[in-house]
Structure formats: structure tokens, C-alpha cells
């Protein structure tokens, strides 16, 4: 019996795919960080600040800021990009 061996073809990643992958990571990261900030703000509001609203908004702001800064770092990195030195 003869075995059939399939050859795998390596397709180079296009810049559009790299950008889409980065956007997926950035948006999911920002959503998670914002949710964690919201949860921490609700806990702080209930436990420490007699159910005021401002700890929730501060937590959401910190989460959005953290998500933005990590997203900025992801877009500025050269991971997955071919660099040609002249």
C-alpha cells in the first residue's frame, strides 16, 4: 500500500491579516480591562464609598486607559513584520 503525503504550502501573511490580528487582540484586551475596571469600581463603590457612582467611572476610565496604552504598544511593535536592512 502506498501512502499519500500531502505537502503543506506556506502562504506569506499579508499586512491586512497582520493588522486584523492586532485589532482583534487590542479590542479584546480593551474590553477585558474595561470590564475588570468596572468590576473593581462596583466593588469599591459598594464596600467603601456608600454606593457612590464615581468609583465605577474611575474604574472604567482606568480600564480603558490601560487597554489603550497596551493597544498602542501592540501597534508600535514590529512583531510579525519583516524588516529589511539596507
N, C-alpha and C. Protein backbone atom coordinates (compact mmCIF):
# COMPACT_ATOMS: atom_id res chain seq x y z
N UNK A 1 0.83 -1.18 0.00
CA UNK A 1 0.00 0.00 0.00
C UNK A 1 0.88 1.24 0.00
N UNK A 2 0.50 2.16 -0.83
CA UNK A 2 1.26 3.39 -0.94
C UNK A 2 0.61 4.46 -0.05
N UNK A 3 1.46 5.20 0.62
CA UNK A 3 0.96 6.28 1.48
C UNK A 3 0.91 7.58 0.68
N UNK A 4 -0.12 8.33 0.92
CA UNK A 4 -0.26 9.63 0.26
C UNK A 4 0.22 10.70 1.23
N UNK A 5 1.20 11.46 0.81
CA UNK A 5 1.77 12.51 1.64
C UNK A 5 1.37 13.85 1.04
N UNK A 6 0.75 14.66 1.87
CA UNK A 6 0.35 15.99 1.40
C UNK A 6 1.45 16.99 1.73
N UNK A 7 1.74 17.82 0.78
CA UNK A 7 2.72 18.87 1.02
C UNK A 7 2.00 20.11 1.52
N UNK A 8 2.57 20.71 2.55
CA UNK A 8 1.99 21.94 3.08
C UNK A 8 2.61 23.13 2.37
N UNK A 9 1.77 24.01 1.91
CA UNK A 9 2.23 25.21 1.23
C UNK A 9 2.20 26.35 2.23
N UNK A 10 3.32 27.01 2.38
CA UNK A 10 3.39 28.15 3.30
C UNK A 10 3.01 29.41 2.54
N UNK A 11 1.93 30.02 3.00
CA UNK A 11 1.45 31.25 2.38
C UNK A 11 1.91 32.42 3.23
N UNK A 12 2.58 33.39 2.64
CA UNK A 12 3.02 34.53 3.45
C UNK A 12 1.82 35.32 3.99
N UNK A 13 1.99 35.80 5.21
CA UNK A 13 0.93 36.57 5.85
C UNK A 13 0.89 37.97 5.25
N UNK A 14 -0.29 38.38 4.85
CA UNK A 14 -0.43 39.71 4.27
C UNK A 14 -0.52 40.75 5.38
N UNK A 15 -0.27 41.98 5.02
CA UNK A 15 -0.31 43.05 6.02
C UNK A 15 -1.74 43.24 6.54
N UNK A 16 -2.74 42.96 5.69
CA UNK A 16 -4.12 43.09 6.15
C UNK A 16 -4.43 42.08 7.24
N UNK A 17 -3.91 40.86 7.09
CA UNK A 17 -4.12 39.84 8.12
C UNK A 17 -3.40 40.19 9.41
N UNK A 18 -2.18 40.73 9.30
CA UNK A 18 -1.47 41.16 10.50
C UNK A 18 -2.22 42.26 11.22
N UNK A 19 -2.76 43.21 10.47
CA UNK A 19 -3.50 44.30 11.07
C UNK A 19 -4.80 43.80 11.71
N UNK A 20 -5.49 42.89 11.05
CA UNK A 20 -6.71 42.33 11.62
C UNK A 20 -6.43 41.56 12.90
N UNK A 21 -5.34 40.81 12.93
CA UNK A 21 -4.98 40.07 14.14
C UNK A 21 -4.66 41.03 15.27
N UNK A 22 -3.95 42.10 14.97
CA UNK A 22 -3.63 43.08 16.01
C UNK A 22 -4.89 43.75 16.53
N UNK A 23 -5.82 44.11 15.64
CA UNK A 23 -7.06 44.73 16.09
C UNK A 23 -7.87 43.78 16.97
N UNK A 24 -7.88 42.50 16.63
CA UNK A 24 -8.59 41.53 17.46
C UNK A 24 -8.02 41.49 18.87
N UNK A 25 -6.71 41.47 18.97
CA UNK A 25 -6.06 41.42 20.28
C UNK A 25 -6.32 42.71 21.06
N UNK A 26 -6.21 43.84 20.39
CA UNK A 26 -6.38 45.13 21.06
C UNK A 26 -7.80 45.31 21.57
N UNK A 27 -8.79 45.00 20.73
CA UNK A 27 -10.18 45.18 21.16
C UNK A 27 -10.58 44.23 22.27
N UNK A 28 -10.16 42.98 22.18
CA UNK A 28 -10.50 42.04 23.25
C UNK A 28 -9.79 42.41 24.55
N UNK A 29 -8.55 42.87 24.45
CA UNK A 29 -7.80 43.30 25.63
C UNK A 29 -8.46 44.52 26.27
N UNK A 30 -8.86 45.49 25.46
CA UNK A 30 -9.51 46.68 26.00
C UNK A 30 -10.85 46.34 26.65
N UNK A 31 -11.59 45.41 26.05
CA UNK A 31 -12.87 45.01 26.62
C UNK A 31 -12.68 44.31 27.96
N UNK A 32 -11.68 43.45 28.05
CA UNK A 32 -11.41 42.75 29.31
C UNK A 32 -10.95 43.72 30.38
N UNK A 33 -10.03 44.62 30.03
CA UNK A 33 -9.53 45.59 31.02
C UNK A 33 -10.65 46.51 31.51
N UNK A 34 -11.52 46.94 30.59
CA UNK A 34 -12.63 47.81 30.98
C UNK A 34 -13.60 47.06 31.89
N UNK A 35 -13.86 45.81 31.59
CA UNK A 35 -14.74 45.00 32.44
C UNK A 35 -14.16 44.80 33.83
N UNK A 36 -12.86 44.55 33.90
CA UNK A 36 -12.22 44.40 35.20
C UNK A 36 -12.25 45.71 35.99
N UNK A 37 -12.03 46.82 35.30
CA UNK A 37 -12.11 48.12 35.97
C UNK A 37 -13.51 48.42 36.47
N UNK A 38 -14.52 48.04 35.66
CA UNK A 38 -15.92 48.21 36.07
C UNK A 38 -16.21 47.38 37.31
N UNK A 39 -15.76 46.13 37.31
CA UNK A 39 -15.99 45.26 38.47
C UNK A 39 -15.31 45.77 39.73
N UNK A 40 -14.08 46.23 39.58
CA UNK A 40 -13.36 46.79 40.74
C UNK A 40 -14.04 48.06 41.23
N UNK A 41 -14.55 48.87 40.30
CA UNK A 41 -15.26 50.09 40.70
C UNK A 41 -16.56 49.78 41.42
N UNK A 42 -17.29 48.78 40.97
CA UNK A 42 -18.53 48.40 41.65
C UNK A 42 -18.22 47.88 43.05
N UNK A 43 -17.19 47.03 43.17
CA UNK A 43 -16.81 46.54 44.50
C UNK A 43 -16.40 47.67 45.43
N UNK A 44 -15.59 48.58 44.94
CA UNK A 44 -15.16 49.71 45.77
C UNK A 44 -16.36 50.58 46.14
N UNK A 45 -17.27 50.76 45.21
CA UNK A 45 -18.44 51.59 45.47
C UNK A 45 -19.32 50.97 46.55
N UNK A 46 -19.54 49.68 46.47
CA UNK A 46 -20.41 49.01 47.43
C UNK A 46 -19.75 48.88 48.79
N UNK A 47 -18.48 48.52 48.80
CA UNK A 47 -17.82 48.23 50.08
C UNK A 47 -17.28 49.46 50.79
N UNK A 48 -16.82 50.45 50.04
CA UNK A 48 -16.10 51.55 50.68
C UNK A 48 -16.79 52.92 50.60
N UNK A 49 -17.53 53.18 49.54
CA UNK A 49 -17.97 54.54 49.29
C UNK A 49 -19.48 54.71 49.32
N UNK A 50 -20.19 53.90 50.03
CA UNK A 50 -21.64 54.00 50.24
C UNK A 50 -22.41 54.16 48.93
N UNK A 51 -22.08 53.33 47.98
CA UNK A 51 -22.77 53.23 46.69
C UNK A 51 -22.78 54.52 45.88
N UNK A 52 -21.67 55.18 45.88
CA UNK A 52 -21.49 56.34 45.00
C UNK A 52 -21.15 55.86 43.60
N UNK A 53 -21.37 56.70 42.62
CA UNK A 53 -21.13 56.29 41.24
C UNK A 53 -19.71 56.55 40.77
N UNK A 54 -19.01 57.47 41.37
CA UNK A 54 -17.71 57.85 40.83
C UNK A 54 -16.66 56.74 40.87
N UNK A 55 -16.65 55.82 41.85
CA UNK A 55 -15.63 54.76 41.77
C UNK A 55 -15.81 53.85 40.55
N UNK A 56 -17.06 53.66 40.13
CA UNK A 56 -17.31 52.85 38.95
C UNK A 56 -16.73 53.53 37.72
N UNK A 57 -16.96 54.83 37.59
CA UNK A 57 -16.45 55.56 36.42
C UNK A 57 -14.93 55.66 36.45
N UNK A 58 -14.36 55.78 37.63
CA UNK A 58 -12.89 55.80 37.72
C UNK A 58 -12.33 54.45 37.31
N UNK A 59 -12.96 53.36 37.75
CA UNK A 59 -12.51 52.03 37.36
C UNK A 59 -12.62 51.80 35.86
N UNK A 60 -13.72 52.26 35.25
CA UNK A 60 -13.89 52.13 33.80
C UNK A 60 -12.83 52.97 33.08
N UNK A 61 -12.56 54.15 33.59
CA UNK A 61 -11.54 55.01 32.98
C UNK A 61 -10.16 54.39 33.05
N UNK A 62 -9.81 53.81 34.21
CA UNK A 62 -8.52 53.14 34.33
C UNK A 62 -8.43 51.95 33.38
N UNK A 63 -9.51 51.19 33.26
CA UNK A 63 -9.52 50.05 32.35
C UNK A 63 -9.37 50.46 30.90
N UNK A 64 -10.08 51.50 30.49
CA UNK A 64 -9.96 51.99 29.12
C UNK A 64 -8.55 52.54 28.86
N UNK A 65 -8.01 53.25 29.82
CA UNK A 65 -6.66 53.80 29.66
C UNK A 65 -5.62 52.71 29.55
N UNK A 66 -5.76 51.67 30.36
CA UNK A 66 -4.81 50.56 30.30
C UNK A 66 -4.94 49.82 28.96
N UNK A 67 -6.17 49.62 28.51
CA UNK A 67 -6.38 48.97 27.22
C UNK A 67 -5.82 49.79 26.08
N UNK A 68 -5.98 51.10 26.15
CA UNK A 68 -5.44 51.98 25.11
C UNK A 68 -3.92 51.94 25.09
N UNK A 69 -3.29 52.01 26.26
CA UNK A 69 -1.83 52.03 26.29
C UNK A 69 -1.24 50.70 25.82
N UNK A 70 -1.87 49.58 26.18
CA UNK A 70 -1.37 48.30 25.70
C UNK A 70 -1.63 48.13 24.20
N UNK A 71 -2.75 48.65 23.72
CA UNK A 71 -3.03 48.61 22.28
C UNK A 71 -2.04 49.44 21.50
N UNK A 72 -1.68 50.59 22.03
CA UNK A 72 -0.68 51.43 21.39
C UNK A 72 0.66 50.70 21.30
N UNK A 73 1.01 49.99 22.37
CA UNK A 73 2.27 49.23 22.36
C UNK A 73 2.21 48.09 21.35
N UNK A 74 1.04 47.47 21.20
CA UNK A 74 0.91 46.37 20.24
C UNK A 74 1.06 46.90 18.82
N UNK A 75 0.45 48.04 18.51
CA UNK A 75 0.55 48.57 17.16
C UNK A 75 1.93 49.14 16.85
N UNK A 76 2.67 49.55 17.86
CA UNK A 76 4.01 50.09 17.62
C UNK A 76 5.07 49.01 17.52
N UNK A 77 4.75 47.77 17.94
CA UNK A 77 5.75 46.71 17.91
C UNK A 77 5.97 46.22 16.48
N UNK A 78 7.12 45.63 16.24
CA UNK A 78 7.45 45.12 14.92
C UNK A 78 7.23 43.62 14.82
N UNK A 79 6.46 43.04 15.72
CA UNK A 79 6.24 41.60 15.71
C UNK A 79 5.48 41.21 14.46
N UNK A 80 5.99 40.27 13.73
CA UNK A 80 5.35 39.78 12.53
C UNK A 80 5.64 40.59 11.28
N UNK A 81 6.43 41.64 11.41
CA UNK A 81 6.75 42.49 10.28
C UNK A 81 8.18 42.22 9.85
N UNK A 82 8.37 42.02 8.56
CA UNK A 82 9.71 41.75 8.04
C UNK A 82 10.45 43.08 7.92
N UNK A 83 11.65 43.12 8.46
CA UNK A 83 12.47 44.33 8.42
C UNK A 83 13.64 44.06 7.48
N UNK A 84 13.81 44.92 6.48
CA UNK A 84 14.90 44.78 5.52
C UNK A 84 15.90 45.89 5.80
N UNK A 85 17.12 45.50 6.10
CA UNK A 85 18.16 46.50 6.35
C UNK A 85 18.89 46.78 5.05
N UNK A 86 19.10 48.05 4.77
CA UNK A 86 19.77 48.43 3.51
C UNK A 86 21.26 48.50 3.71
